[in-house]
Amino acid sequence: MRSQPEAIKHEDEIVWTEDVSSFDYVRETLVDGVGTRRRPVSWRGQAGRRVGYALLKSNA
């Protein structure tokens, strides 16, 4: 995502649901077209596991 800063311009902060300090790496995935802002996006059927999510700015 770092090569596409426009794609994440509405992110306000990252909420970590696990302690990631012991991981070798954390992969970032962009999920768009989701109709919710009130809760984290469902992760069912995705590879790996979600260890955090972004909160969006109020003007997103």
N, C-alpha and C. Protein backbone atom coordinates (compact mmCIF):
# COMPACT_ATOMS: atom_id res chain seq x y z
N MET A 1 0.81 -1.19 0.00
CA MET A 1 0.00 0.00 0.00
C MET A 1 0.86 1.26 0.00
N ARG A 2 2.07 1.15 0.46
CA ARG A 2 2.92 2.34 0.53
C ARG A 2 3.15 2.93 -0.86
N SER A 3 3.07 2.11 -1.90
CA SER A 3 3.24 2.63 -3.25
C SER A 3 1.97 3.31 -3.75
N GLN A 4 0.86 3.17 -3.01
CA GLN A 4 -0.41 3.79 -3.38
C GLN A 4 -0.96 4.59 -2.21
N PRO A 5 -0.33 5.69 -1.84
CA PRO A 5 -0.78 6.45 -0.66
C PRO A 5 -2.21 6.96 -0.80
N GLU A 6 -2.68 7.17 -2.00
CA GLU A 6 -4.05 7.63 -2.23
C GLU A 6 -5.07 6.60 -1.72
N ALA A 7 -4.71 5.32 -1.78
CA ALA A 7 -5.62 4.24 -1.38
C ALA A 7 -5.88 4.23 0.13
N ILE A 8 -4.95 4.79 0.92
CA ILE A 8 -5.11 4.75 2.37
C ILE A 8 -5.21 6.14 2.99
N LYS A 9 -5.51 7.14 2.18
CA LYS A 9 -5.52 8.52 2.67
C LYS A 9 -6.59 8.77 3.73
N HIS A 10 -7.62 7.94 3.79
CA HIS A 10 -8.69 8.13 4.77
C HIS A 10 -8.46 7.40 6.08
N GLU A 11 -7.36 6.65 6.19
CA GLU A 11 -7.07 5.96 7.44
C GLU A 11 -6.68 6.96 8.52
N ASP A 12 -7.25 6.78 9.71
CA ASP A 12 -6.94 7.66 10.84
C ASP A 12 -5.95 7.01 11.79
N GLU A 13 -6.18 5.72 12.08
CA GLU A 13 -5.27 4.97 12.95
C GLU A 13 -5.46 3.48 12.73
N ILE A 14 -4.49 2.71 13.20
CA ILE A 14 -4.56 1.25 13.14
C ILE A 14 -4.88 0.73 14.54
N VAL A 15 -5.83 -0.18 14.63
CA VAL A 15 -6.18 -0.84 15.88
C VAL A 15 -5.61 -2.25 15.80
N TRP A 16 -4.68 -2.57 16.69
CA TRP A 16 -4.08 -3.91 16.71
C TRP A 16 -4.90 -4.79 17.65
N THR A 17 -5.31 -5.95 17.16
CA THR A 17 -6.08 -6.89 17.98
C THR A 17 -5.20 -7.98 18.57
N GLU A 18 -3.95 -8.00 18.16
CA GLU A 18 -2.94 -8.92 18.71
C GLU A 18 -1.64 -8.16 18.87
N ASP A 19 -0.77 -8.66 19.72
CA ASP A 19 0.57 -8.09 19.87
C ASP A 19 1.41 -8.57 18.69
N VAL A 20 1.79 -7.67 17.81
CA VAL A 20 2.51 -8.04 16.59
C VAL A 20 4.03 -7.97 16.75
N SER A 21 4.51 -7.64 17.93
CA SER A 21 5.96 -7.47 18.12
C SER A 21 6.76 -8.76 17.92
N SER A 22 6.12 -9.91 18.06
CA SER A 22 6.85 -11.16 17.88
C SER A 22 6.77 -11.71 16.45
N PHE A 23 6.02 -11.06 15.57
CA PHE A 23 5.89 -11.52 14.19
C PHE A 23 7.09 -11.07 13.36
N ASP A 24 7.49 -11.88 12.41
CA ASP A 24 8.55 -11.51 11.48
C ASP A 24 8.06 -10.41 10.53
N TYR A 25 6.81 -10.48 10.14
CA TYR A 25 6.23 -9.46 9.25
C TYR A 25 4.71 -9.45 9.42
N VAL A 26 4.11 -8.36 8.98
CA VAL A 26 2.65 -8.23 8.94
C VAL A 26 2.31 -7.75 7.55
N ARG A 27 1.44 -8.46 6.87
CA ARG A 27 1.06 -8.10 5.50
C ARG A 27 -0.18 -7.21 5.55
N GLU A 28 -0.15 -6.17 4.75
CA GLU A 28 -1.26 -5.22 4.68
C GLU A 28 -2.17 -5.59 3.51
N THR A 29 -3.47 -5.58 3.75
CA THR A 29 -4.45 -5.87 2.72
C THR A 29 -5.49 -4.77 2.68
N LEU A 30 -5.82 -4.29 1.50
CA LEU A 30 -6.83 -3.26 1.33
C LEU A 30 -8.14 -3.93 0.93
N VAL A 31 -9.19 -3.69 1.71
CA VAL A 31 -10.51 -4.20 1.41
C VAL A 31 -11.39 -2.98 1.16
N ASP A 32 -11.88 -2.85 -0.07
CA ASP A 32 -12.73 -1.69 -0.37
C ASP A 32 -14.12 -2.14 -0.81
N GLY A 33 -15.01 -1.19 -0.92
CA GLY A 33 -16.38 -1.51 -1.33
C GLY A 33 -17.20 -2.16 -0.23
N VAL A 34 -16.80 -1.97 1.01
CA VAL A 34 -17.50 -2.58 2.15
C VAL A 34 -18.51 -1.56 2.67
N GLY A 35 -19.69 -2.00 2.98
CA GLY A 35 -20.75 -1.09 3.38
C GLY A 35 -20.85 -0.83 4.87
N THR A 36 -19.77 -0.96 5.63
CA THR A 36 -19.84 -0.72 7.06
C THR A 36 -18.70 0.18 7.52
N ARG A 37 -18.98 0.99 8.50
CA ARG A 37 -17.96 1.79 9.17
C ARG A 37 -18.06 1.58 10.67
N ARG A 38 -19.00 0.79 11.11
CA ARG A 38 -19.27 0.66 12.54
C ARG A 38 -18.52 -0.48 13.21
N ARG A 39 -17.98 -1.38 12.42
CA ARG A 39 -17.26 -2.53 13.00
C ARG A 39 -16.20 -2.99 12.00
N PRO A 40 -15.23 -3.76 12.46
CA PRO A 40 -14.22 -4.29 11.54
C PRO A 40 -14.85 -5.17 10.46
N VAL A 41 -14.26 -5.19 9.30
CA VAL A 41 -14.75 -5.99 8.19
C VAL A 41 -14.54 -7.47 8.49
N SER A 42 -15.49 -8.31 8.13
CA SER A 42 -15.38 -9.75 8.33
C SER A 42 -14.16 -10.29 7.61
N TRP A 43 -13.49 -11.25 8.20
CA TRP A 43 -12.27 -11.82 7.64
C TRP A 43 -12.46 -13.26 7.19
N ARG A 44 -13.66 -13.77 7.18
CA ARG A 44 -13.90 -15.17 6.79
C ARG A 44 -13.48 -15.44 5.36
N GLY A 45 -12.82 -16.55 5.15
CA GLY A 45 -12.42 -16.97 3.82
C GLY A 45 -11.13 -16.34 3.32
N GLN A 46 -10.54 -15.46 4.08
CA GLN A 46 -9.28 -14.82 3.69
C GLN A 46 -8.10 -15.68 4.15
N ALA A 47 -6.98 -15.54 3.45
CA ALA A 47 -5.76 -16.23 3.86
C ALA A 47 -5.19 -15.56 5.10
N GLY A 48 -4.56 -16.33 5.97
CA GLY A 48 -3.95 -15.78 7.17
C GLY A 48 -5.00 -15.41 8.21
N ARG A 49 -4.64 -14.45 9.05
CA ARG A 49 -5.59 -13.99 10.06
C ARG A 49 -5.44 -12.48 10.25
N ARG A 50 -6.49 -11.85 10.67
CA ARG A 50 -6.46 -10.41 10.89
C ARG A 50 -5.88 -10.13 12.26
N VAL A 51 -4.89 -9.27 12.33
CA VAL A 51 -4.28 -8.90 13.60
C VAL A 51 -4.47 -7.41 13.89
N GLY A 52 -5.16 -6.73 12.99
CA GLY A 52 -5.45 -5.32 13.19
C GLY A 52 -6.34 -4.81 12.08
N TYR A 53 -6.82 -3.60 12.24
CA TYR A 53 -7.64 -2.98 11.22
C TYR A 53 -7.52 -1.46 11.35
N ALA A 54 -7.90 -0.75 10.29
CA ALA A 54 -7.80 0.70 10.27
C ALA A 54 -9.13 1.32 10.66
N LEU A 55 -9.05 2.41 11.42
CA LEU A 55 -10.21 3.27 11.64
C LEU A 55 -10.13 4.41 10.63
N LEU A 56 -11.26 4.74 10.04
CA LEU A 56 -11.27 5.79 9.02
C LEU A 56 -11.58 7.15 9.62
N LYS A 57 -11.11 8.19 8.96
CA LYS A 57 -11.43 9.56 9.35
C LYS A 57 -12.92 9.80 9.14
N SER A 58 -13.46 10.76 9.83
CA SER A 58 -14.91 11.03 9.75
C SER A 58 -15.33 11.52 8.38
N ASN A 59 -14.41 12.07 7.60
CA ASN A 59 -14.77 12.57 6.27
C ASN A 59 -14.48 11.56 5.15
N ALA A 60 -14.23 10.32 5.51
CA ALA A 60 -13.88 9.30 4.52
C ALA A 60 -15.08 8.96 3.64
